[in-house]
Amino acid sequence: MDFLHLIISATPLILAYYLTSLGHSIVEKSGVLNLAIDGVFVLGVSIAFSQAIYTGNNLLLSLSSSMLVAIVIGLFMTYIVTKFPVSHGAVGLSLMFLCYGLAGVIGVPARILQSTTGESIGYAFSPEGVEWLYSFIAIVVLGIISHFMIEKTKLGAMIRACGEDPLSAEALGVNVMMTRLIAALIGFGLMGLGAGVFELYYSRIWREGHGVGQGWIAFSISLSSGRHPILGILTSIIFGLLYEHRFSIVALGLPREFAEALPFITAILAMVIYMSTPLKRKLAPPKSLGKPFFKEERTI
């Protein structure tokens, strides 16, 4: 199998990873530490699956539902960690586990219904088709637009200011709460879309716990690319290829369990490389990422 066919077969996963990691990057650039990512992803997968079963495989409605639920959770988390001086990590992890539970509650009845009706879901990319090409065009265009938005627009400057020093940003007239909510609207919407793409265009199956760990891979993609929309394209391709073809290493005599763990081992290595090289300085995280936001009047 040549490299092009390897790319084509992994395209839906690459697209899902890129959408999720890009959304995560936008949220964190506003200063909100997003440790809820894996739970939001798993819940989005369950929502997309359930809607596809209940609506006769209406992919547009299924993707929209996954996005909407992710946005609601993201807005709630962003409001809480911005309004109150609470731990971003504690809120994010609590929401993550809540989303795990909700995913099962929502997905299991739909799975039971599927077992009785035999309803299939999703859409399979054909190696002979051009869907993969359209997907990569969409990734590149989205990356360029996102980079331009973050670096060249007033909204992007406000988002970056809230991530670097929200107190100074507010003193200069930036509404930190509103700016972070807008970043959450965009970012969590992309995460929900990525989860829906993963379910409907890649896996096309569901079982309880399906998708667990995929959000953390997207987290690693975002971190190892310095939350940069363009560099994130490359890291998404690397991780997508690695995950899709991970069992190829079994032919080399390595254990299957190692193949299962390989994407997560690589995620750890990618984060270590980022943190221990000049990349951390050149693509530094926002200075106020994850820090409680105290308005001046709260400190008096």
C-alpha atoms as a PDB file:
ATOM      1  CA  MET A   1       0.000   0.000   0.000  1.00  0.00           C
ATOM      2  CA  ASP A   2       1.517   3.339  -1.038  1.00  0.00           C
ATOM      3  CA  PHE A   3       1.593   6.448   1.135  1.00  0.00           C
ATOM      4  CA  LEU A   4      -1.405   8.052  -0.608  1.00  0.00           C
ATOM      5  CA  HIS A   5      -3.607   5.093   0.247  1.00  0.00           C
ATOM      6  CA  LEU A   6      -2.378   5.230   3.830  1.00  0.00           C
ATOM      7  CA  ILE A   7      -3.428   8.886   3.949  1.00  0.00           C
ATOM      8  CA  ILE A   8      -6.813   8.228   2.334  1.00  0.00           C
ATOM      9  CA  SER A   9      -7.700   5.453   4.766  1.00  0.00           C
ATOM     10  CA  ALA A  10      -6.844   7.679   7.741  1.00  0.00           C
ATOM     11  CA  THR A  11      -8.497  10.858   6.417  1.00  0.00           C
ATOM     12  CA  PRO A  12     -11.711  10.722   8.521  1.00  0.00           C
ATOM     13  CA  LEU A  13      -9.651  10.223  11.678  1.00  0.00           C
ATOM     14  CA  ILE A  14      -7.222  13.002  10.732  1.00  0.00           C
ATOM     15  CA  LEU A  15     -10.176  15.335  10.169  1.00  0.00           C
ATOM     16  CA  ALA A  16     -11.715  14.402  13.534  1.00  0.00           C
ATOM     17  CA  TYR A  17      -8.411  14.910  15.346  1.00  0.00           C
ATOM     18  CA  TYR A  18      -7.780  18.247  13.679  1.00  0.00           C
ATOM     19  CA  LEU A  19     -11.227  19.667  14.414  1.00  0.00           C
ATOM     20  CA  THR A  20     -11.031  18.583  18.057  1.00  0.00           C
ATOM     21  CA  SER A  21      -7.468  19.805  18.622  1.00  0.00           C
ATOM     22  CA  LEU A  22      -8.142  23.121  16.884  1.00  0.00           C
ATOM     23  CA  GLY A  23     -11.205  23.741  19.052  1.00  0.00           C
ATOM     24  CA  HIS A  24      -9.207  22.876  22.149  1.00  0.00           C
ATOM     25  CA  SER A  25      -6.442  25.282  21.086  1.00  0.00           C
ATOM     26  CA  ILE A  26      -8.850  28.188  20.640  1.00  0.00           C
ATOM     27  CA  VAL A  27     -10.373  27.592  24.074  1.00  0.00           C
ATOM     28  CA  GLU A  28      -7.001  27.446  25.796  1.00  0.00           C
ATOM     29  CA  LYS A  29      -5.710  30.539  24.010  1.00  0.00           C
ATOM     30  CA  SER A  30      -8.357  32.448  25.965  1.00  0.00           C
ATOM     31  CA  GLY A  31      -6.811  31.211  29.222  1.00  0.00           C
ATOM     32  CA  VAL A  32      -9.317  28.447  30.033  1.00  0.00           C
ATOM     33  CA  LEU A  33      -7.613  25.134  30.837  1.00  0.00           C
ATOM     34  CA  ASN A  34      -9.708  22.470  29.149  1.00  0.00           C
ATOM     35  CA  LEU A  35      -9.329  19.168  30.977  1.00  0.00           C
ATOM     36  CA  ALA A  36     -12.905  18.220  30.083  1.00  0.00           C
ATOM     37  CA  ILE A  37     -11.857  17.478  26.493  1.00  0.00           C
ATOM     38  CA  ASP A  38     -11.984  13.680  26.631  1.00  0.00           C
ATOM     39  CA  GLY A  39     -15.370  13.588  28.328  1.00  0.00           C
ATOM     40  CA  VAL A  40     -16.800  16.111  25.871  1.00  0.00           C
ATOM     41  CA  PHE A  41     -15.446  14.015  23.000  1.00  0.00           C
ATOM     42  CA  VAL A  42     -16.936  10.768  24.342  1.00  0.00           C
ATOM     43  CA  LEU A  43     -20.302  12.431  24.933  1.00  0.00           C
ATOM     44  CA  GLY A  44     -20.224  13.953  21.446  1.00  0.00           C
ATOM     45  CA  VAL A  45     -19.594  10.503  19.976  1.00  0.00           C
ATOM     46  CA  SER A  46     -22.559   9.087  21.899  1.00  0.00           C
ATOM     47  CA  ILE A  47     -24.838  11.973  20.869  1.00  0.00           C
ATOM     48  CA  ALA A  48     -23.915  11.605  17.193  1.00  0.00           C
ATOM     49  CA  PHE A  49     -24.523   7.849  17.300  1.00  0.00           C
ATOM     50  CA  SER A  50     -27.860   8.156  19.098  1.00  0.00           C
ATOM     51  CA  GLN A  51     -29.179  10.861  16.795  1.00  0.00           C
ATOM     52  CA  ALA A  52     -28.168   8.842  13.750  1.00  0.00           C
ATOM     53  CA  ILE A  53     -30.155   5.867  15.068  1.00  0.00           C
ATOM     54  CA  TYR A  54     -33.226   7.884  16.049  1.00  0.00           C
ATOM     55  CA  THR A  55     -33.343  10.021  12.879  1.00  0.00           C
ATOM     56  CA  GLY A  56     -32.650   7.357  10.280  1.00  0.00           C
ATOM     57  CA  ASN A  57     -29.000   8.312   9.770  1.00  0.00           C
ATOM     58  CA  ASN A  58     -29.553  12.042   9.340  1.00  0.00           C
ATOM     59  CA  LEU A  59     -25.878  12.985   9.413  1.00  0.00           C
ATOM     60  CA  LEU A  60     -26.397  16.757   9.442  1.00  0.00           C
ATOM     61  CA  LEU A  61     -28.731  16.615  12.434  1.00  0.00           C
ATOM     62  CA  SER A  62     -26.423  14.175  14.210  1.00  0.00           C
ATOM     63  CA  LEU A  63     -23.364  16.410  13.742  1.00  0.00           C
ATOM     64  CA  SER A  64     -25.341  19.487  14.791  1.00  0.00           C
ATOM     65  CA  SER A  65     -26.557  17.763  17.953  1.00  0.00           C
ATOM     66  CA  SER A  66     -23.014  16.755  18.905  1.00  0.00           C
ATOM     67  CA  MET A  67     -21.832  20.329  18.385  1.00  0.00           C
ATOM     68  CA  LEU A  68     -24.722  21.829  20.368  1.00  0.00           C
ATOM     69  CA  VAL A  69     -24.176  19.617  23.413  1.00  0.00           C
ATOM     70  CA  ALA A  70     -20.432  20.325  23.397  1.00  0.00           C
ATOM     71  CA  ILE A  71     -21.105  24.065  23.186  1.00  0.00           C
ATOM     72  CA  VAL A  72     -23.491  23.969  26.160  1.00  0.00           C
ATOM     73  CA  ILE A  73     -20.925  22.151  28.292  1.00  0.00           C
ATOM     74  CA  GLY A  74     -18.145  24.468  27.144  1.00  0.00           C
ATOM     75  CA  LEU A  75     -20.103  27.629  27.885  1.00  0.00           C
ATOM     76  CA  PHE A  76     -21.007  26.319  31.331  1.00  0.00           C
ATOM     77  CA  MET A  77     -17.399  25.430  32.174  1.00  0.00           C
ATOM     78  CA  THR A  78     -16.056  28.722  30.842  1.00  0.00           C
ATOM     79  CA  TYR A  79     -18.604  30.753  32.775  1.00  0.00           C
ATOM     80  CA  ILE A  80     -17.848  28.939  36.040  1.00  0.00           C
ATOM     81  CA  VAL A  81     -14.051  29.213  35.847  1.00  0.00           C
ATOM     82  CA  THR A  82     -14.205  32.871  34.782  1.00  0.00           C
ATOM     83  CA  LYS A  83     -16.940  34.053  37.149  1.00  0.00           C
ATOM     84  CA  PHE A  84     -15.521  32.348  40.230  1.00  0.00           C
ATOM     85  CA  PRO A  85     -11.909  31.889  41.381  1.00  0.00           C
ATOM     86  CA  VAL A  86     -12.117  28.102  41.177  1.00  0.00           C
ATOM     87  CA  SER A  87      -9.651  25.511  39.917  1.00  0.00           C
ATOM     88  CA  HIS A  88      -9.884  25.047  36.147  1.00  0.00           C
ATOM     89  CA  GLY A  89      -8.523  21.538  36.520  1.00  0.00           C
ATOM     90  CA  ALA A  90     -11.052  20.451  39.147  1.00  0.00           C
ATOM     91  CA  VAL A  91     -14.011  21.781  37.152  1.00  0.00           C
ATOM     92  CA  GLY A  92     -12.728  20.288  33.903  1.00  0.00           C
ATOM     93  CA  LEU A  93     -12.062  16.834  35.339  1.00  0.00           C
ATOM     94  CA  SER A  94     -15.433  16.801  37.120  1.00  0.00           C
ATOM     95  CA  LEU A  95     -17.181  17.602  33.848  1.00  0.00           C
ATOM     96  CA  MET A  96     -15.131  14.951  32.086  1.00  0.00           C
ATOM     97  CA  PHE A  97     -16.403  12.189  34.367  1.00  0.00           C
ATOM     98  CA  LEU A  98     -19.937  13.575  34.206  1.00  0.00           C
ATOM     99  CA  CYS A  99     -19.773  13.396  30.406  1.00  0.00           C
ATOM    100  CA  TYR A 100     -18.559   9.791  30.572  1.00  0.00           C
ATOM    101  CA  GLY A 101     -21.661   8.875  32.553  1.00  0.00           C
ATOM    102  CA  LEU A 102     -24.035  10.828  30.323  1.00  0.00           C
ATOM    103  CA  ALA A 103     -22.538   9.170  27.238  1.00  0.00           C
ATOM    104  CA  GLY A 104     -23.567   5.771  28.551  1.00  0.00           C
ATOM    105  CA  VAL A 105     -27.017   6.918  29.607  1.00  0.00           C
ATOM    106  CA  ILE A 106     -27.680   8.358  26.151  1.00  0.00           C
ATOM    107  CA  GLY A 107     -25.937   5.767  24.020  1.00  0.00           C
ATOM    108  CA  VAL A 108     -27.087   2.476  25.556  1.00  0.00           C
ATOM    109  CA  PRO A 109     -30.823   2.816  24.649  1.00  0.00           C
ATOM    110  CA  ALA A 110     -29.865   3.730  21.084  1.00  0.00           C
ATOM    111  CA  ARG A 111     -27.535   0.740  20.903  1.00  0.00           C
ATOM    112  CA  ILE A 112     -30.332  -1.545  22.081  1.00  0.00           C
ATOM    113  CA  LEU A 113     -32.617  -0.084  19.417  1.00  0.00           C
ATOM    114  CA  GLN A 114     -29.930  -0.600  16.785  1.00  0.00           C
ATOM    115  CA  SER A 115     -29.589  -4.261  17.776  1.00  0.00           C
ATOM    116  CA  THR A 116     -33.294  -4.806  17.083  1.00  0.00           C
ATOM    117  CA  THR A 117     -33.547  -2.781  13.868  1.00  0.00           C
ATOM    118  CA  GLY A 118     -30.148  -3.488  12.342  1.00  0.00           C
ATOM    119  CA  GLU A 119     -29.834   0.207  11.458  1.00  0.00           C
ATOM    120  CA  SER A 120     -26.366   1.101  10.187  1.00  0.00           C
ATOM    121  CA  ILE A 121     -24.946   4.569  10.715  1.00  0.00           C
ATOM    122  CA  GLY A 122     -22.443   6.933   9.177  1.00  0.00           C
ATOM    123  CA  TYR A 123     -20.830   7.286   5.812  1.00  0.00           C
ATOM    124  CA  ALA A 124     -17.801   5.316   4.601  1.00  0.00           C
ATOM    125  CA  PHE A 125     -15.118   7.166   2.652  1.00  0.00           C
ATOM    126  CA  SER A 126     -14.402   5.384  -0.626  1.00  0.00           C
ATOM    127  CA  PRO A 127     -10.701   5.047  -1.582  1.00  0.00           C
ATOM    128  CA  GLU A 128     -11.733   5.763  -5.164  1.00  0.00           C
ATOM    129  CA  GLY A 129     -13.720   8.868  -4.256  1.00  0.00           C
ATOM    130  CA  VAL A 130     -12.662  12.460  -3.715  1.00  0.00           C
ATOM    131  CA  GLU A 131     -14.044  12.915  -0.206  1.00  0.00           C
ATOM    132  CA  TRP A 132     -10.559  12.607   1.252  1.00  0.00           C
ATOM    133  CA  LEU A 133      -9.343  15.457  -0.965  1.00  0.00           C
ATOM    134  CA  TYR A 134     -12.245  17.695   0.043  1.00  0.00           C
ATOM    135  CA  SER A 135     -11.490  16.878   3.678  1.00  0.00           C
ATOM    136  CA  PHE A 136      -7.873  17.986   3.364  1.00  0.00           C
ATOM    137  CA  ILE A 137      -8.896  21.144   1.536  1.00  0.00           C
ATOM    138  CA  ALA A 138     -11.315  21.865   4.393  1.00  0.00           C
ATOM    139  CA  ILE A 139      -8.553  21.252   6.967  1.00  0.00           C
ATOM    140  CA  VAL A 140      -6.125  23.621   5.234  1.00  0.00           C
ATOM    141  CA  VAL A 141      -8.746  26.336   4.693  1.00  0.00           C
ATOM    142  CA  LEU A 142      -9.942  26.050   8.294  1.00  0.00           C
ATOM    143  CA  GLY A 143      -6.351  26.209   9.543  1.00  0.00           C
ATOM    144  CA  ILE A 144      -5.607  29.350   7.541  1.00  0.00           C
ATOM    145  CA  ILE A 145      -8.851  31.053   8.605  1.00  0.00           C
ATOM    146  CA  SER A 146      -8.261  30.158  12.261  1.00  0.00           C
ATOM    147  CA  HIS A 147      -4.683  31.419  12.157  1.00  0.00           C
ATOM    148  CA  PHE A 148      -5.810  34.670  10.552  1.00  0.00           C
ATOM    149  CA  MET A 149      -8.616  35.063  13.095  1.00  0.00           C
ATOM    150  CA  ILE A 150      -6.316  34.529  16.076  1.00  0.00           C
ATOM    151  CA  GLU A 151      -3.389  36.606  14.841  1.00  0.00           C
ATOM    152  CA  LYS A 152      -4.911  39.336  12.675  1.00  0.00           C
ATOM    153  CA  THR A 153      -8.366  40.193  13.957  1.00  0.00           C
ATOM    154  CA  LYS A 154      -9.662  42.179  16.911  1.00  0.00           C
ATOM    155  CA  LEU A 155     -11.418  39.095  18.280  1.00  0.00           C
ATOM    156  CA  GLY A 156      -8.181  37.111  18.087  1.00  0.00           C
ATOM    157  CA  ALA A 157      -6.275  39.860  19.877  1.00  0.00           C
ATOM    158  CA  MET A 158      -8.923  39.883  22.612  1.00  0.00           C
ATOM    159  CA  ILE A 159      -8.732  36.104  22.994  1.00  0.00           C
ATOM    160  CA  ARG A 160      -4.925  36.198  23.246  1.00  0.00           C
ATOM    161  CA  ALA A 161      -5.069  39.096  25.704  1.00  0.00           C
ATOM    162  CA  CYS A 162      -7.434  37.164  27.972  1.00  0.00           C
ATOM    163  CA  GLY A 163      -5.047  34.230  27.889  1.00  0.00           C
ATOM    164  CA  GLU A 164      -1.960  36.282  28.646  1.00  0.00           C
ATOM    165  CA  ASP A 165      -3.230  38.711  31.282  1.00  0.00           C
ATOM    166  CA  PRO A 166      -7.004  38.919  31.742  1.00  0.00           C
ATOM    167  CA  LEU A 167      -6.801  41.600  34.426  1.00  0.00           C
ATOM    168  CA  SER A 168      -4.831  43.947  32.160  1.00  0.00           C
ATOM    169  CA  ALA A 169      -7.116  43.080  29.258  1.00  0.00           C
ATOM    170  CA  GLU A 170     -10.166  44.065  31.297  1.00  0.00           C
ATOM    171  CA  ALA A 171      -8.467  47.296  32.358  1.00  0.00           C
ATOM    172  CA  LEU A 172      -8.053  48.100  28.650  1.00  0.00           C
ATOM    173  CA  GLY A 173     -11.755  47.590  27.995  1.00  0.00           C
ATOM    174  CA  VAL A 174     -11.897  43.908  27.025  1.00  0.00           C
ATOM    175  CA  ASN A 175     -14.885  42.014  28.391  1.00  0.00           C
ATOM    176  CA  VAL A 176     -13.049  38.895  29.578  1.00  0.00           C
ATOM    177  CA  MET A 177     -16.196  36.903  30.270  1.00  0.00           C
ATOM    178  CA  MET A 178     -17.745  37.597  26.881  1.00  0.00           C
ATOM    179  CA  THR A 179     -14.482  36.995  25.036  1.00  0.00           C
ATOM    180  CA  ARG A 180     -13.926  33.648  26.710  1.00  0.00           C
ATOM    181  CA  LEU A 181     -17.519  32.629  26.054  1.00  0.00           C
ATOM    182  CA  ILE A 182     -17.073  33.431  22.359  1.00  0.00           C
ATOM    183  CA  ALA A 183     -13.857  31.362  22.303  1.00  0.00           C
ATOM    184  CA  ALA A 184     -15.753  28.519  24.019  1.00  0.00           C
ATOM    185  CA  LEU A 185     -18.596  28.784  21.505  1.00  0.00           C
ATOM    186  CA  ILE A 186     -16.164  28.387  18.614  1.00  0.00           C
ATOM    187  CA  GLY A 187     -13.809  25.928  20.274  1.00  0.00           C
ATOM    188  CA  PHE A 188     -16.309  23.528  21.813  1.00  0.00           C
ATOM    189  CA  GLY A 189     -18.382  23.657  18.649  1.00  0.00           C
ATOM    190  CA  LEU A 190     -15.348  22.384  16.733  1.00  0.00           C
ATOM    191  CA  MET A 191     -14.743  19.721  19.396  1.00  0.00           C
ATOM    192  CA  GLY A 192     -18.319  18.499  19.111  1.00  0.00           C
ATOM    193  CA  LEU A 193     -18.011  18.448  15.329  1.00  0.00           C
ATOM    194  CA  GLY A 194     -14.770  16.468  15.606  1.00  0.00           C
ATOM    195  CA  ALA A 195     -16.470  13.911  17.856  1.00  0.00           C
ATOM    196  CA  GLY A 196     -19.338  13.576  15.391  1.00  0.00           C
ATOM    197  CA  VAL A 197     -16.958  13.111  12.470  1.00  0.00           C
ATOM    198  CA  PHE A 198     -15.080  10.450  14.442  1.00  0.00           C
ATOM    199  CA  GLU A 199     -18.280   8.480  15.022  1.00  0.00           C
ATOM    200  CA  LEU A 200     -20.126   8.958  11.726  1.00  0.00           C
ATOM    201  CA  TYR A 201     -17.254   8.992   9.234  1.00  0.00           C
ATOM    202  CA  TYR A 202     -14.614   6.893  10.956  1.00  0.00           C
ATOM    203  CA  SER A 203     -15.727   4.272  13.487  1.00  0.00           C
ATOM    204  CA  ARG A 204     -19.447   3.953  12.568  1.00  0.00           C
ATOM    205  CA  ILE A 205     -19.988   1.712  15.591  1.00  0.00           C
ATOM    206  CA  TRP A 206     -20.736   2.390  19.240  1.00  0.00           C
ATOM    207  CA  ARG A 207     -20.307   0.562  22.511  1.00  0.00           C
ATOM    208  CA  GLU A 208     -20.221   1.904  26.045  1.00  0.00           C
ATOM    209  CA  GLY A 209     -16.997   3.841  26.583  1.00  0.00           C
ATOM    210  CA  HIS A 210     -16.427   4.248  22.853  1.00  0.00           C
ATOM    211  CA  GLY A 211     -14.047   7.127  22.153  1.00  0.00           C
ATOM    212  CA  VAL A 212     -12.375   7.202  25.567  1.00  0.00           C
ATOM    213  CA  GLY A 213      -8.798   8.402  25.165  1.00  0.00           C
ATOM    214  CA  GLN A 214      -9.330  10.008  21.766  1.00  0.00           C
ATOM    215  CA  GLY A 215      -9.819  13.425  23.343  1.00  0.00           C
ATOM    216  CA  TRP A 216      -6.481  13.089  25.094  1.00  0.00           C
ATOM    217  CA  ILE A 217      -4.823  12.344  21.757  1.00  0.00           C
ATOM    218  CA  ALA A 218      -6.371  15.566  20.417  1.00  0.00           C
ATOM    219  CA  PHE A 219      -5.086  17.309  23.563  1.00  0.00           C
ATOM    220  CA  SER A 220      -1.576  16.027  22.745  1.00  0.00           C
ATOM    221  CA  ILE A 221      -1.891  17.179  19.144  1.00  0.00           C
ATOM    222  CA  SER A 222      -2.789  20.668  20.325  1.00  0.00           C
ATOM    223  CA  LEU A 223      -0.014  20.828  22.917  1.00  0.00           C
ATOM    224  CA  SER A 224       2.752  19.399  20.722  1.00  0.00           C
ATOM    225  CA  SER A 225       1.896  21.901  17.972  1.00  0.00           C
ATOM    226  CA  GLY A 226       1.986  24.808  20.415  1.00  0.00           C
ATOM    227  CA  ARG A 227      -1.746  25.366  19.832  1.00  0.00           C
ATOM    228  CA  HIS A 228      -0.852  26.678  16.371  1.00  0.00           C
ATOM    229  CA  PRO A 229      -3.630  26.117  13.773  1.00  0.00           C
ATOM    230  CA  ILE A 230      -1.190  25.476  10.905  1.00  0.00           C
ATOM    231  CA  LEU A 231       1.284  23.250  12.752  1.00  0.00           C
ATOM    232  CA  GLY A 232      -1.701  21.352  14.107  1.00  0.00           C
ATOM    233  CA  ILE A 233      -2.392  20.072  10.591  1.00  0.00           C
ATOM    234  CA  LEU A 234       0.946  18.253  10.522  1.00  0.00           C
ATOM    235  CA  THR A 235       0.593  16.781  14.008  1.00  0.00           C
ATOM    236  CA  SER A 236      -2.967  15.660  13.246  1.00  0.00           C
ATOM    237  CA  ILE A 237      -1.740  13.805  10.169  1.00  0.00           C
ATOM    238  CA  ILE A 238       1.036  12.114  12.165  1.00  0.00           C
ATOM    239  CA  PHE A 239      -1.257  10.967  14.958  1.00  0.00           C
ATOM    240  CA  GLY A 240      -4.041   9.996  12.554  1.00  0.00           C
ATOM    241  CA  LEU A 241      -1.721   7.787  10.520  1.00  0.00           C
ATOM    242  CA  LEU A 242      -0.206   6.320  13.657  1.00  0.00           C
ATOM    243  CA  TYR A 243      -3.557   5.413  15.200  1.00  0.00           C
ATOM    244  CA  GLU A 244      -5.133   4.105  11.997  1.00  0.00           C
ATOM    245  CA  HIS A 245      -2.190   1.865  11.121  1.00  0.00           C
ATOM    246  CA  ARG A 246      -0.979   1.026  14.625  1.00  0.00           C
ATOM    247  CA  PHE A 247      -1.566  -2.693  14.216  1.00  0.00           C
ATOM    248  CA  SER A 248       0.814  -2.843  11.282  1.00  0.00           C
ATOM    249  CA  ILE A 249       3.630  -3.120  13.804  1.00  0.00           C
ATOM    250  CA  VAL A 250       2.221  -6.464  14.954  1.00  0.00           C
ATOM    251  CA  ALA A 251       3.691  -7.888  11.752  1.00  0.00           C
ATOM    252  CA  LEU A 252       7.105  -6.911  13.111  1.00  0.00           C
ATOM    253  CA  GLY A 253       6.632  -9.308  15.997  1.00  0.00           C
ATOM    254  CA  LEU A 254       5.637  -6.724  18.593  1.00  0.00           C
ATOM    255  CA  PRO A 255       2.753  -7.506  20.988  1.00  0.00           C
ATOM    256  CA  ARG A 256      -0.760  -6.380  20.098  1.00  0.00           C
ATOM    257  CA  GLU A 257      -0.999  -4.647  23.483  1.00  0.00           C
ATOM    258  CA  PHE A 258       1.950  -2.464  22.523  1.00  0.00           C
ATOM    259  CA  ALA A 259       0.187  -1.532  19.290  1.00  0.00           C
ATOM    260  CA  GLU A 260      -2.900  -0.505  21.281  1.00  0.00           C
ATOM    261  CA  ALA A 261      -0.788   1.690  23.558  1.00  0.00           C
ATOM    262  CA  LEU A 262       1.463   3.124  20.827  1.00  0.00           C
ATOM    263  CA  PRO A 263      -0.619   6.267  20.061  1.00  0.00           C
ATOM    264  CA  PHE A 264      -0.702   7.170  23.758  1.00  0.00           C
ATOM    265  CA  ILE A 265       3.006   6.465  24.197  1.00  0.00           C
ATOM    266  CA  THR A 266       3.630   8.741  21.241  1.00  0.00           C
ATOM    267  CA  ALA A 267       1.368  11.384  22.795  1.00  0.00           C
ATOM    268  CA  ILE A 268       3.491  11.356  25.947  1.00  0.00           C
ATOM    269  CA  LEU A 269       6.694  11.577  23.910  1.00  0.00           C
ATOM    270  CA  ALA A 270       5.295  14.458  21.854  1.00  0.00           C
ATOM    271  CA  MET A 271       4.452  16.408  25.007  1.00  0.00           C
ATOM    272  CA  VAL A 272       7.869  15.690  26.510  1.00  0.00           C
ATOM    273  CA  ILE A 273       9.582  16.869  23.334  1.00  0.00           C
ATOM    274  CA  TYR A 274       7.517  20.051  23.337  1.00  0.00           C
ATOM    275  CA  MET A 275       8.195  20.804  26.993  1.00  0.00           C
ATOM    276  CA  SER A 276      11.932  20.063  26.852  1.00  0.00           C
ATOM    277  CA  THR A 277      12.909  21.800  23.609  1.00  0.00           C
ATOM    278  CA  PRO A 278      12.911  25.405  22.323  1.00  0.00           C
ATOM    279  CA  LEU A 279       9.408  24.738  21.013  1.00  0.00           C
ATOM    280  CA  LYS A 280       8.077  25.527  24.481  1.00  0.00           C
ATOM    281  CA  ARG A 281       9.607  29.011  24.251  1.00  0.00           C
ATOM    282  CA  LYS A 282       8.742  29.687  20.603  1.00  0.00           C
ATOM    283  CA  LEU A 283       5.202  28.356  20.948  1.00  0.00           C
ATOM    284  CA  ALA A 284       4.654  29.260  24.584  1.00  0.00           C
ATOM    285  CA  PRO A 285       1.279  28.593  26.214  1.00  0.00           C
ATOM    286  CA  PRO A 286      -0.769  31.578  27.435  1.00  0.00           C
ATOM    287  CA  LYS A 287       0.729  32.933  30.664  1.00  0.00           C
ATOM    288  CA  SER A 288      -2.599  32.883  32.490  1.00  0.00           C
ATOM    289  CA  LEU A 289      -3.709  29.465  31.210  1.00  0.00           C
ATOM    290  CA  GLY A 290      -5.611  27.707  33.978  1.00  0.00           C
ATOM    291  CA  LYS A 291      -5.126  30.495  36.518  1.00  0.00           C
ATOM    292  CA  PRO A 292      -8.175  31.723  38.478  1.00  0.00           C
ATOM    293  CA  PHE A 293      -9.282  35.141  37.308  1.00  0.00           C
ATOM    294  CA  PHE A 294      -9.604  37.640  40.155  1.00  0.00           C
ATOM    295  CA  LYS A 295     -11.141  40.927  39.169  1.00  0.00           C
ATOM    296  CA  GLU A 296      -9.505  43.901  40.830  1.00  0.00           C
ATOM    297  CA  GLU A 297     -12.499  44.525  43.050  1.00  0.00           C
ATOM    298  CA  ARG A 298     -12.340  40.966  44.378  1.00  0.00           C
ATOM    299  CA  THR A 299      -8.842  41.523  45.749  1.00  0.00           C
ATOM    300  CA  ILE A 300      -9.806  44.488  47.898  1.00  0.00           C
END
